[in-house]
Amino acid sequence: MMDFDEVDLLRHCENAGFRSVRVELTIAAFPAVPTRWDTLMRLSGNPKIPSIGDAMQKIFDAEERARLERYARPVVEKGGSITRMANALLTATKDRAPRANAEGP
């Protein structure tokens, strides 16, 4: 879900037949809140994707996970690193398809 930018999003909507497309982009950077490591491991950026811990389990072997945890856990639990986020709010309209049995003009 990250291999496009706001211009691509606008173009994809236009290509899908939407009109009066508006994309509002918000970009923010702020200090991260201290978070317990086990809490972070249960987080997921989207209900349809694995949690961070599940993803790490799938892509890293035990030694790699341990090495990452040794580095990242103190940073996560202390807080103060920078969190960066980008959100796009899209609004658009689309003409209704004519009804198959519509009568009259």
PDB file of N, CA and C in Angstrom:
ATOM      1  N   MET A   1       0.814  -1.195   0.000  1.00  0.00           N
ATOM      2  CA  MET A   1       0.000   0.000   0.000  1.00  0.00           C
ATOM      3  C   MET A   1       0.857   1.258   0.000  1.00  0.00           C
ATOM      4  N   MET A   2       2.140   1.121  -0.318  1.00  0.00           N
ATOM      5  CA  MET A   2       2.994   2.300  -0.258  1.00  0.00           C
ATOM      6  C   MET A   2       3.737   2.555  -1.564  1.00  0.00           C
ATOM      7  N   ASP A   3       3.356   1.899  -2.620  1.00  0.00           N
ATOM      8  CA  ASP A   3       4.089   2.037  -3.870  1.00  0.00           C
ATOM      9  C   ASP A   3       3.405   3.030  -4.805  1.00  0.00           C
ATOM     10  N   PHE A   4       2.880   4.128  -4.226  1.00  0.00           N
ATOM     11  CA  PHE A   4       2.261   5.171  -5.028  1.00  0.00           C
ATOM     12  C   PHE A   4       2.314   6.462  -4.226  1.00  0.00           C
ATOM     13  N   ASP A   5       2.172   7.569  -4.912  1.00  0.00           N
ATOM     14  CA  ASP A   5       2.126   8.845  -4.207  1.00  0.00           C
ATOM     15  C   ASP A   5       0.771   9.508  -4.454  1.00  0.00           C
ATOM     16  N   GLU A   6       0.624  10.720  -3.957  1.00  0.00           N
ATOM     17  CA  GLU A   6      -0.671  11.404  -4.059  1.00  0.00           C
ATOM     18  C   GLU A   6      -1.056  11.703  -5.508  1.00  0.00           C
ATOM     19  N   VAL A   7      -0.086  11.934  -6.374  1.00  0.00           N
ATOM     20  CA  VAL A   7      -0.389  12.185  -7.784  1.00  0.00           C
ATOM     21  C   VAL A   7      -0.899  10.902  -8.439  1.00  0.00           C
ATOM     22  N   ASP A   8      -0.264   9.756  -8.115  1.00  0.00           N
ATOM     23  CA  ASP A   8      -0.749   8.463  -8.623  1.00  0.00           C
ATOM     24  C   ASP A   8      -2.174   8.203  -8.135  1.00  0.00           C
ATOM     25  N   LEU A   9      -2.440   8.497  -6.876  1.00  0.00           N
ATOM     26  CA  LEU A   9      -3.770   8.289  -6.305  1.00  0.00           C
ATOM     27  C   LEU A   9      -4.818   9.097  -7.072  1.00  0.00           C
ATOM     28  N   LEU A  10      -4.517  10.344  -7.340  1.00  0.00           N
ATOM     29  CA  LEU A  10      -5.416  11.189  -8.119  1.00  0.00           C
ATOM     30  C   LEU A  10      -5.647  10.609  -9.515  1.00  0.00           C
ATOM     31  N   ARG A  11      -4.583  10.213 -10.185  1.00  0.00           N
ATOM     32  CA  ARG A  11      -4.689   9.669 -11.544  1.00  0.00           C
ATOM     33  C   ARG A  11      -5.477   8.355 -11.563  1.00  0.00           C
ATOM     34  N   HIS A  12      -5.238   7.480 -10.598  1.00  0.00           N
ATOM     35  CA  HIS A  12      -5.982   6.211 -10.541  1.00  0.00           C
ATOM     36  C   HIS A  12      -7.483   6.463 -10.374  1.00  0.00           C
ATOM     37  N   CYS A  13      -7.837   7.440  -9.567  1.00  0.00           N
ATOM     38  CA  CYS A  13      -9.256   7.756  -9.379  1.00  0.00           C
ATOM     39  C   CYS A  13      -9.867   8.317 -10.653  1.00  0.00           C
ATOM     40  N   GLU A  14      -9.140   9.185 -11.322  1.00  0.00           N
ATOM     41  CA  GLU A  14      -9.642   9.722 -12.594  1.00  0.00           C
ATOM     42  C   GLU A  14      -9.810   8.601 -13.618  1.00  0.00           C
ATOM     43  N   ASN A  15      -8.830   7.712 -13.691  1.00  0.00           N
ATOM     44  CA  ASN A  15      -8.899   6.592 -14.637  1.00  0.00           C
ATOM     45  C   ASN A  15     -10.050   5.643 -14.321  1.00  0.00           C
ATOM     46  N   ALA A  16     -10.472   5.603 -13.065  1.00  0.00           N
ATOM     47  CA  ALA A  16     -11.588   4.746 -12.667  1.00  0.00           C
ATOM     48  C   ALA A  16     -12.944   5.414 -12.913  1.00  0.00           C
ATOM     49  N   GLY A  17     -12.921   6.628 -13.463  1.00  0.00           N
ATOM     50  CA  GLY A  17     -14.173   7.296 -13.807  1.00  0.00           C
ATOM     51  C   GLY A  17     -14.665   8.312 -12.795  1.00  0.00           C
ATOM     52  N   PHE A  18     -13.888   8.557 -11.753  1.00  0.00           N
ATOM     53  CA  PHE A  18     -14.298   9.564 -10.771  1.00  0.00           C
ATOM     54  C   PHE A  18     -13.995  10.955 -11.304  1.00  0.00           C
ATOM     55  N   ARG A  19     -14.834  11.912 -10.938  1.00  0.00           N
ATOM     56  CA  ARG A  19     -14.670  13.302 -11.347  1.00  0.00           C
ATOM     57  C   ARG A  19     -14.603  14.171 -10.103  1.00  0.00           C
ATOM     58  N   SER A  20     -14.199  15.390 -10.279  1.00  0.00           N
ATOM     59  CA  SER A  20     -14.065  16.320  -9.145  1.00  0.00           C
ATOM     60  C   SER A  20     -13.276  15.658  -8.008  1.00  0.00           C
ATOM     61  N   VAL A  21     -12.144  15.115  -8.369  1.00  0.00           N
ATOM     62  CA  VAL A  21     -11.305  14.407  -7.396  1.00  0.00           C
ATOM     63  C   VAL A  21     -10.487  15.422  -6.611  1.00  0.00           C
ATOM     64  N   ARG A  22     -10.458  15.245  -5.305  1.00  0.00           N
ATOM     65  CA  ARG A  22      -9.669  16.116  -4.426  1.00  0.00           C
ATOM     66  C   ARG A  22      -8.867  15.235  -3.482  1.00  0.00           C
ATOM     67  N   VAL A  23      -7.561  15.501  -3.406  1.00  0.00           N
ATOM     68  CA  VAL A  23      -6.684  14.782  -2.488  1.00  0.00           C
ATOM     69  C   VAL A  23      -6.064  15.799  -1.544  1.00  0.00           C
ATOM     70  N   GLU A  24      -6.272  15.599  -0.253  1.00  0.00           N
ATOM     71  CA  GLU A  24      -5.653  16.445   0.769  1.00  0.00           C
ATOM     72  C   GLU A  24      -4.576  15.621   1.444  1.00  0.00           C
ATOM     73  N   LEU A  25      -3.356  16.093   1.379  1.00  0.00           N
ATOM     74  CA  LEU A  25      -2.214  15.363   1.931  1.00  0.00           C
ATOM     75  C   LEU A  25      -1.763  16.029   3.221  1.00  0.00           C
ATOM     76  N   THR A  26      -1.609  15.237   4.262  1.00  0.00           N
ATOM     77  CA  THR A  26      -1.095  15.717   5.537  1.00  0.00           C
ATOM     78  C   THR A  26       0.174  14.926   5.839  1.00  0.00           C
ATOM     79  N   ILE A  27       1.246  15.640   6.086  1.00  0.00           N
ATOM     80  CA  ILE A  27       2.516  15.007   6.438  1.00  0.00           C
ATOM     81  C   ILE A  27       2.931  15.568   7.789  1.00  0.00           C
ATOM     82  N   ALA A  28       3.325  14.686   8.703  1.00  0.00           N
ATOM     83  CA  ALA A  28       3.690  15.134  10.042  1.00  0.00           C
ATOM     84  C   ALA A  28       4.925  14.389  10.530  1.00  0.00           C
ATOM     85  N   ALA A  29       5.700  15.068  11.357  1.00  0.00           N
ATOM     86  CA  ALA A  29       6.834  14.450  12.053  1.00  0.00           C
ATOM     87  C   ALA A  29       6.761  14.919  13.499  1.00  0.00           C
ATOM     88  N   PHE A  30       6.872  13.961  14.435  1.00  0.00           N
ATOM     89  CA  PHE A  30       6.753  14.311  15.847  1.00  0.00           C
ATOM     90  C   PHE A  30       7.494  13.275  16.685  1.00  0.00           C
ATOM     91  N   PRO A  31       7.854  13.651  17.919  1.00  0.00           N
ATOM     92  CA  PRO A  31       8.564  12.699  18.774  1.00  0.00           C
ATOM     93  C   PRO A  31       7.701  11.471  19.075  1.00  0.00           C
ATOM     94  N   ALA A  32       8.308  10.319  18.990  1.00  0.00           N
ATOM     95  CA  ALA A  32       7.602   9.070  19.290  1.00  0.00           C
ATOM     96  C   ALA A  32       7.337   8.976  20.787  1.00  0.00           C
ATOM     97  N   VAL A  33       6.210   8.400  21.112  1.00  0.00           N
ATOM     98  CA  VAL A  33       5.831   8.164  22.507  1.00  0.00           C
ATOM     99  C   VAL A  33       6.523   6.885  22.977  1.00  0.00           C
ATOM    100  N   PRO A  34       7.070   6.860  24.200  1.00  0.00           N
ATOM    101  CA  PRO A  34       7.639   5.605  24.701  1.00  0.00           C
ATOM    102  C   PRO A  34       6.594   4.491  24.640  1.00  0.00           C
ATOM    103  N   THR A  35       6.995   3.346  24.101  1.00  0.00           N
ATOM    104  CA  THR A  35       6.073   2.223  23.910  1.00  0.00           C
ATOM    105  C   THR A  35       6.743   0.941  24.375  1.00  0.00           C
ATOM    106  N   ARG A  36       6.006   0.127  25.106  1.00  0.00           N
ATOM    107  CA  ARG A  36       6.558  -1.175  25.520  1.00  0.00           C
ATOM    108  C   ARG A  36       6.793  -2.025  24.285  1.00  0.00           C
ATOM    109  N   TRP A  37       7.866  -2.775  24.289  1.00  0.00           N
ATOM    110  CA  TRP A  37       8.242  -3.614  23.148  1.00  0.00           C
ATOM    111  C   TRP A  37       7.145  -4.615  22.811  1.00  0.00           C
ATOM    112  N   ASP A  38       6.578  -5.276  23.829  1.00  0.00           N
ATOM    113  CA  ASP A  38       5.532  -6.275  23.554  1.00  0.00           C
ATOM    114  C   ASP A  38       4.281  -5.628  22.964  1.00  0.00           C
ATOM    115  N   THR A  39       4.008  -4.389  23.330  1.00  0.00           N
ATOM    116  CA  THR A  39       2.885  -3.667  22.729  1.00  0.00           C
ATOM    117  C   THR A  39       3.165  -3.399  21.258  1.00  0.00           C
ATOM    118  N   LEU A  40       4.370  -2.931  20.946  1.00  0.00           N
ATOM    119  CA  LEU A  40       4.746  -2.667  19.559  1.00  0.00           C
ATOM    120  C   LEU A  40       4.638  -3.931  18.714  1.00  0.00           C
ATOM    121  N   MET A  41       5.054  -5.073  19.263  1.00  0.00           N
ATOM    122  CA  MET A  41       5.034  -6.324  18.504  1.00  0.00           C
ATOM    123  C   MET A  41       3.616  -6.752  18.137  1.00  0.00           C
ATOM    124  N   ARG A  42       2.602  -6.272  18.888  1.00  0.00           N
ATOM    125  CA  ARG A  42       1.206  -6.623  18.589  1.00  0.00           C
ATOM    126  C   ARG A  42       0.537  -5.635  17.643  1.00  0.00           C
ATOM    127  N   LEU A  43       1.203  -4.520  17.333  1.00  0.00           N
ATOM    128  CA  LEU A  43       0.601  -3.503  16.472  1.00  0.00           C
ATOM    129  C   LEU A  43       0.613  -3.921  15.008  1.00  0.00           C
ATOM    130  N   SER A  44      -0.404  -3.465  14.307  1.00  0.00           N
ATOM    131  CA  SER A  44      -0.509  -3.673  12.866  1.00  0.00           C
ATOM    132  C   SER A  44      -0.978  -2.363  12.245  1.00  0.00           C
ATOM    133  N   GLY A  45      -0.397  -1.991  11.123  1.00  0.00           N
ATOM    134  CA  GLY A  45      -0.784  -0.752  10.475  1.00  0.00           C
ATOM    135  C   GLY A  45      -2.116  -0.843   9.752  1.00  0.00           C
ATOM    136  N   ASN A  46      -2.664  -2.054   9.693  1.00  0.00           N
ATOM    137  CA  ASN A  46      -3.886  -2.276   8.929  1.00  0.00           C
ATOM    138  C   ASN A  46      -4.451  -3.610   9.403  1.00  0.00           C
ATOM    139  N   PRO A  47      -5.764  -3.707   9.619  1.00  0.00           N
ATOM    140  CA  PRO A  47      -6.334  -4.971  10.102  1.00  0.00           C
ATOM    141  C   PRO A  47      -6.103  -6.158   9.174  1.00  0.00           C
ATOM    142  N   LYS A  48      -5.750  -5.901   7.929  1.00  0.00           N
ATOM    143  CA  LYS A  48      -5.584  -6.995   6.970  1.00  0.00           C
ATOM    144  C   LYS A  48      -4.127  -7.427   6.805  1.00  0.00           C
ATOM    145  N   ILE A  49      -3.227  -6.859   7.585  1.00  0.00           N
ATOM    146  CA  ILE A  49      -1.818  -7.251   7.498  1.00  0.00           C
ATOM    147  C   ILE A  49      -1.352  -7.788   8.842  1.00  0.00           C
ATOM    148  N   PRO A  50      -0.280  -8.569   8.854  1.00  0.00           N
ATOM    149  CA  PRO A  50       0.200  -9.138  10.117  1.00  0.00           C
ATOM    150  C   PRO A  50       0.713  -8.057  11.071  1.00  0.00           C
ATOM    151  N   SER A  51       0.740  -8.394  12.346  1.00  0.00           N
ATOM    152  CA  SER A  51       1.335  -7.491  13.332  1.00  0.00           C
ATOM    153  C   SER A  51       2.834  -7.386  13.050  1.00  0.00           C
ATOM    154  N   ILE A  52       3.467  -6.408  13.655  1.00  0.00           N
ATOM    155  CA  ILE A  52       4.918  -6.249  13.483  1.00  0.00           C
ATOM    156  C   ILE A  52       5.638  -7.508  13.940  1.00  0.00           C
ATOM    157  N   GLY A  53       5.238  -8.055  15.083  1.00  0.00           N
ATOM    158  CA  GLY A  53       5.865  -9.272  15.593  1.00  0.00           C
ATOM    159  C   GLY A  53       5.680 -10.462  14.663  1.00  0.00           C
ATOM    160  N   ASP A  54       4.471 -10.628  14.122  1.00  0.00           N
ATOM    161  CA  ASP A  54       4.214 -11.735  13.187  1.00  0.00           C
ATOM    162  C   ASP A  54       5.044 -11.582  11.911  1.00  0.00           C
ATOM    163  N   ALA A  55       5.141 -10.345  11.418  1.00  0.00           N
ATOM    164  CA  ALA A  55       5.938 -10.101  10.210  1.00  0.00           C
ATOM    165  C   ALA A  55       7.409 -10.406  10.474  1.00  0.00           C
ATOM    166  N   MET A  56       7.902  -9.982  11.625  1.00  0.00           N
ATOM    167  CA  MET A  56       9.305 -10.265  11.963  1.00  0.00           C
ATOM    168  C   MET A  56       9.551 -11.764  12.059  1.00  0.00           C
ATOM    169  N   GLN A  57       8.586 -12.483  12.617  1.00  0.00           N
ATOM    170  CA  GLN A  57       8.693 -13.938  12.753  1.00  0.00           C
ATOM    171  C   GLN A  57       8.829 -14.607  11.382  1.00  0.00           C
ATOM    172  N   LYS A  58       8.132 -14.058  10.397  1.00  0.00           N
ATOM    173  CA  LYS A  58       8.132 -14.648   9.053  1.00  0.00           C
ATOM    174  C   LYS A  58       9.387 -14.315   8.257  1.00  0.00           C
ATOM    175  N   ILE A  59       9.938 -13.114   8.446  1.00  0.00           N
ATOM    176  CA  ILE A  59      11.034 -12.704   7.564  1.00  0.00           C
ATOM    177  C   ILE A  59      12.424 -12.796   8.175  1.00  0.00           C
ATOM    178  N   PHE A  60      12.521 -12.868   9.508  1.00  0.00           N
ATOM    179  CA  PHE A  60      13.825 -12.943  10.153  1.00  0.00           C
ATOM    180  C   PHE A  60      14.008 -14.277  10.851  1.00  0.00           C
ATOM    181  N   ASP A  61      15.229 -14.756  10.888  1.00  0.00           N
ATOM    182  CA  ASP A  61      15.495 -15.939  11.709  1.00  0.00           C
ATOM    183  C   ASP A  61      15.678 -15.473  13.158  1.00  0.00           C
ATOM    184  N   ALA A  62      15.834 -16.412  14.095  1.00  0.00           N
ATOM    185  CA  ALA A  62      15.884 -16.089  15.524  1.00  0.00           C
ATOM    186  C   ALA A  62      17.025 -15.128  15.853  1.00  0.00           C
ATOM    187  N   GLU A  63      18.180 -15.327  15.252  1.00  0.00           N
ATOM    188  CA  GLU A  63      19.333 -14.461  15.539  1.00  0.00           C
ATOM    189  C   GLU A  63      19.094 -13.051  15.012  1.00  0.00           C
ATOM    190  N   GLU A  64      18.496 -12.946  13.831  1.00  0.00           N
ATOM    191  CA  GLU A  64      18.199 -11.626  13.267  1.00  0.00           C
ATOM    192  C   GLU A  64      17.165 -10.877  14.118  1.00  0.00           C
ATOM    193  N   ARG A  65      16.141 -11.601  14.587  1.00  0.00           N
ATOM    194  CA  ARG A  65      15.137 -10.964  15.452  1.00  0.00           C
ATOM    195  C   ARG A  65      15.775 -10.478  16.747  1.00  0.00           C
ATOM    196  N   ALA A  66      16.647 -11.299  17.316  1.00  0.00           N
ATOM    197  CA  ALA A  66      17.318 -10.921  18.566  1.00  0.00           C
ATOM    198  C   ALA A  66      18.209  -9.699  18.355  1.00  0.00           C
ATOM    199  N   ARG A  67      18.922  -9.658  17.250  1.00  0.00           N
ATOM    200  CA  ARG A  67      19.806  -8.526  16.960  1.00  0.00           C
ATOM    201  C   ARG A  67      18.985  -7.244  16.765  1.00  0.00           C
ATOM    202  N   LEU A  68      17.875  -7.344  16.029  1.00  0.00           N
ATOM    203  CA  LEU A  68      17.008  -6.182  15.829  1.00  0.00           C
ATOM    204  C   LEU A  68      16.432  -5.710  17.161  1.00  0.00           C
ATOM    205  N   GLU A  69      15.985  -6.648  17.981  1.00  0.00           N
ATOM    206  CA  GLU A  69      15.421  -6.275  19.279  1.00  0.00           C
ATOM    207  C   GLU A  69      16.466  -5.603  20.166  1.00  0.00           C
ATOM    208  N   ARG A  70      17.697  -6.107  20.182  1.00  0.00           N
ATOM    209  CA  ARG A  70      18.746  -5.486  20.995  1.00  0.00           C
ATOM    210  C   ARG A  70      18.972  -4.031  20.597  1.00  0.00           C
ATOM    211  N   TYR A  71      18.890  -3.758  19.301  1.00  0.00           N
ATOM    212  CA  TYR A  71      19.083  -2.386  18.821  1.00  0.00           C
ATOM    213  C   TYR A  71      17.828  -1.533  19.043  1.00  0.00           C
ATOM    214  N   ALA A  72      16.669  -2.028  18.617  1.00  0.00           N
ATOM    215  CA  ALA A  72      15.467  -1.200  18.547  1.00  0.00           C
ATOM    216  C   ALA A  72      14.709  -1.078  19.865  1.00  0.00           C
ATOM    217  N   ARG A  73      14.743  -2.106  20.704  1.00  0.00           N
ATOM    218  CA  ARG A  73      13.935  -2.070  21.925  1.00  0.00           C
ATOM    219  C   ARG A  73      14.242  -0.867  22.813  1.00  0.00           C
ATOM    220  N   PRO A  74      15.513  -0.553  23.082  1.00  0.00           N
ATOM    221  CA  PRO A  74      15.769   0.630  23.912  1.00  0.00           C
ATOM    222  C   PRO A  74      15.260   1.927  23.279  1.00  0.00           C
ATOM    223  N   VAL A  75      15.356   2.033  21.968  1.00  0.00           N
ATOM    224  CA  VAL A  75      14.880   3.227  21.263  1.00  0.00           C
ATOM    225  C   VAL A  75      13.363   3.342  21.387  1.00  0.00           C
ATOM    226  N   VAL A  76      12.668   2.233  21.168  1.00  0.00           N
ATOM    227  CA  VAL A  76      11.202   2.211  21.225  1.00  0.00           C
ATOM    228  C   VAL A  76      10.714   2.504  22.640  1.00  0.00           C
ATOM    229  N   GLU A  77      11.338   1.872  23.630  1.00  0.00           N
ATOM    230  CA  GLU A  77      10.856   2.017  25.005  1.00  0.00           C
ATOM    231  C   GLU A  77      11.234   3.361  25.621  1.00  0.00           C
ATOM    232  N   LYS A  78      12.298   3.977  25.137  1.00  0.00           N
ATOM    233  CA  LYS A  78      12.682   5.302  25.633  1.00  0.00           C
ATOM    234  C   LYS A  78      11.810   6.389  25.011  1.00  0.00           C
ATOM    235  N   GLY A  79      11.409   6.208  23.746  1.00  0.00           N
ATOM    236  CA  GLY A  79      10.654   7.236  23.047  1.00  0.00           C
ATOM    237  C   GLY A  79      11.605   8.326  22.576  1.00  0.00           C
ATOM    238  N   GLY A  80      11.045   9.363  21.978  1.00  0.00           N
ATOM    239  CA  GLY A  80      11.855  10.489  21.562  1.00  0.00           C
ATOM    240  C   GLY A  80      12.420  10.395  20.159  1.00  0.00           C
ATOM    241  N   SER A  81      12.428   9.190  19.558  1.00  0.00           N
ATOM    242  CA  SER A  81      12.827   9.124  18.158  1.00  0.00           C
ATOM    243  C   SER A  81      11.734   9.836  17.351  1.00  0.00           C
ATOM    244  N   ILE A  82      11.919   9.989  16.083  1.00  0.00           N
ATOM    245  CA  ILE A  82      10.956  10.727  15.278  1.00  0.00           C
ATOM    246  C   ILE A  82       9.996   9.774  14.571  1.00  0.00           C
ATOM    247  N   THR A  83       8.711  10.022  14.719  1.00  0.00           N
ATOM    248  CA  THR A  83       7.675   9.302  13.985  1.00  0.00           C
ATOM    249  C   THR A  83       7.252  10.177  12.813  1.00  0.00           C
ATOM    250  N   ARG A  84       7.220   9.587  11.643  1.00  0.00           N
ATOM    251  CA  ARG A  84       6.773  10.314  10.449  1.00  0.00           C
ATOM    252  C   ARG A  84       5.531   9.635   9.893  1.00  0.00           C
ATOM    253  N   MET A  85       4.548  10.446   9.536  1.00  0.00           N
ATOM    254  CA  MET A  85       3.298   9.909   9.017  1.00  0.00           C
ATOM    255  C   MET A  85       2.838  10.730   7.830  1.00  0.00           C
ATOM    256  N   ALA A  86       2.184  10.075   6.890  1.00  0.00           N
ATOM    257  CA  ALA A  86       1.544  10.758   5.767  1.00  0.00           C
ATOM    258  C   ALA A  86       0.155  10.160   5.603  1.00  0.00           C
ATOM    259  N   ASN A  87      -0.830  11.026   5.461  1.00  0.00           N
ATOM    260  CA  ASN A  87      -2.217  10.604   5.263  1.00  0.00           C
ATOM    261  C   ASN A  87      -2.787  11.345   4.073  1.00  0.00           C
ATOM    262  N   ALA A  88      -3.564  10.651   3.284  1.00  0.00           N
ATOM    263  CA  ALA A  88      -4.242  11.277   2.156  1.00  0.00           C
ATOM    264  C   ALA A  88      -5.746  11.094   2.340  1.00  0.00           C
ATOM    265  N   LEU A  89      -6.464  12.203   2.306  1.00  0.00           N
ATOM    266  CA  LEU A  89      -7.916  12.175   2.345  1.00  0.00           C
ATOM    267  C   LEU A  89      -8.398  12.440   0.933  1.00  0.00           C
ATOM    268  N   LEU A  90      -9.132  11.496   0.380  1.00  0.00           N
ATOM    269  CA  LEU A  90      -9.590  11.611  -0.996  1.00  0.00           C
ATOM    270  C   LEU A  90     -11.097  11.750  -1.005  1.00  0.00           C
ATOM    271  N   THR A  91     -11.598  12.734  -1.747  1.00  0.00           N
ATOM    272  CA  THR A  91     -13.034  12.864  -1.986  1.00  0.00           C
ATOM    273  C   THR A  91     -13.230  12.967  -3.495  1.00  0.00           C
ATOM    274  N   ALA A  92     -14.307  12.385  -3.982  1.00  0.00           N
ATOM    275  CA  ALA A  92     -14.561  12.382  -5.420  1.00  0.00           C
ATOM    276  C   ALA A  92     -16.028  12.092  -5.670  1.00  0.00           C
ATOM    277  N   THR A  93     -16.447  12.391  -6.876  1.00  0.00           N
ATOM    278  CA  THR A  93     -17.800  12.044  -7.301  1.00  0.00           C
ATOM    279  C   THR A  93     -17.701  11.180  -8.547  1.00  0.00           C
ATOM    280  N   LYS A  94     -18.736  10.396  -8.757  1.00  0.00           N
ATOM    281  CA  LYS A  94     -18.792   9.552  -9.942  1.00  0.00           C
ATOM    282  C   LYS A  94     -20.222   9.570 -10.457  1.00  0.00           C
ATOM    283  N   ASP A  95     -20.379   9.770 -11.761  1.00  0.00           N
ATOM    284  CA  ASP A  95     -21.714   9.773 -12.351  1.00  0.00           C
ATOM    285  C   ASP A  95     -22.333   8.401 -12.183  1.00  0.00           C
ATOM    286  N   ARG A  96     -23.623   8.400 -11.908  1.00  0.00           N
ATOM    287  CA  ARG A  96     -24.337   7.123 -11.801  1.00  0.00           C
ATOM    288  C   ARG A  96     -24.490   6.508 -13.176  1.00  0.00           C
ATOM    289  N   ALA A  97     -24.389   5.202 -13.229  1.00  0.00           N
ATOM    290  CA  ALA A  97     -24.627   4.489 -14.487  1.00  0.00           C
ATOM    291  C   ALA A  97     -26.122   4.544 -14.782  1.00  0.00           C
ATOM    292  N   PRO A  98     -26.495   4.735 -16.030  1.00  0.00           N
ATOM    293  CA  PRO A  98     -27.928   4.765 -16.355  1.00  0.00           C
ATOM    294  C   PRO A  98     -28.575   3.417 -16.036  1.00  0.00           C
ATOM    295  N   ARG A  99     -29.810   3.481 -15.565  1.00  0.00           N
ATOM    296  CA  ARG A  99     -30.534   2.244 -15.256  1.00  0.00           C
ATOM    297  C   ARG A  99     -30.930   1.528 -16.542  1.00  0.00           C
ATOM    298  N   ALA A 100     -30.886   0.219 -16.497  1.00  0.00           N
ATOM    299  CA  ALA A 100     -31.192  -0.588 -17.681  1.00  0.00           C
ATOM    300  C   ALA A 100     -32.657  -0.416 -18.108  1.00  0.00           C
ATOM    301  N   ASN A 101     -33.563  -0.262 -17.159  1.00  0.00           N
ATOM    302  CA  ASN A 101     -34.992  -0.160 -17.483  1.00  0.00           C
ATOM    303  C   ASN A 101     -35.527   1.251 -17.282  1.00  0.00           C
ATOM    304  N   ALA A 102     -34.669   2.225 -17.375  1.00  0.00           N
ATOM    305  CA  ALA A 102     -35.120   3.601 -17.140  1.00  0.00           C
ATOM    306  C   ALA A 102     -36.092   4.018 -18.256  1.00  0.00           C
ATOM    307  N   GLU A 103     -37.152   4.684 -17.843  1.00  0.00           N
ATOM    308  CA  GLU A 103     -38.146   5.150 -18.810  1.00  0.00           C
ATOM    309  C   GLU A 103     -38.012   6.656 -18.981  1.00  0.00           C
ATOM    310  N   GLY A 104     -38.166   7.089 -20.179  1.00  0.00           N
ATOM    311  CA  GLY A 104     -38.179   8.508 -20.453  1.00  0.00           C
ATOM    312  C   GLY A 104     -36.803   9.131 -20.403  1.00  0.00           C
ATOM    313  N   PRO A 105     -36.749  10.460 -20.645  1.00  0.00           N
ATOM    314  CA  PRO A 105     -35.464  11.149 -20.669  1.00  0.00           C
ATOM    315  C   PRO A 105     -34.867  11.362 -19.326  1.00  0.00           C
TER     316      PRO A 105
END
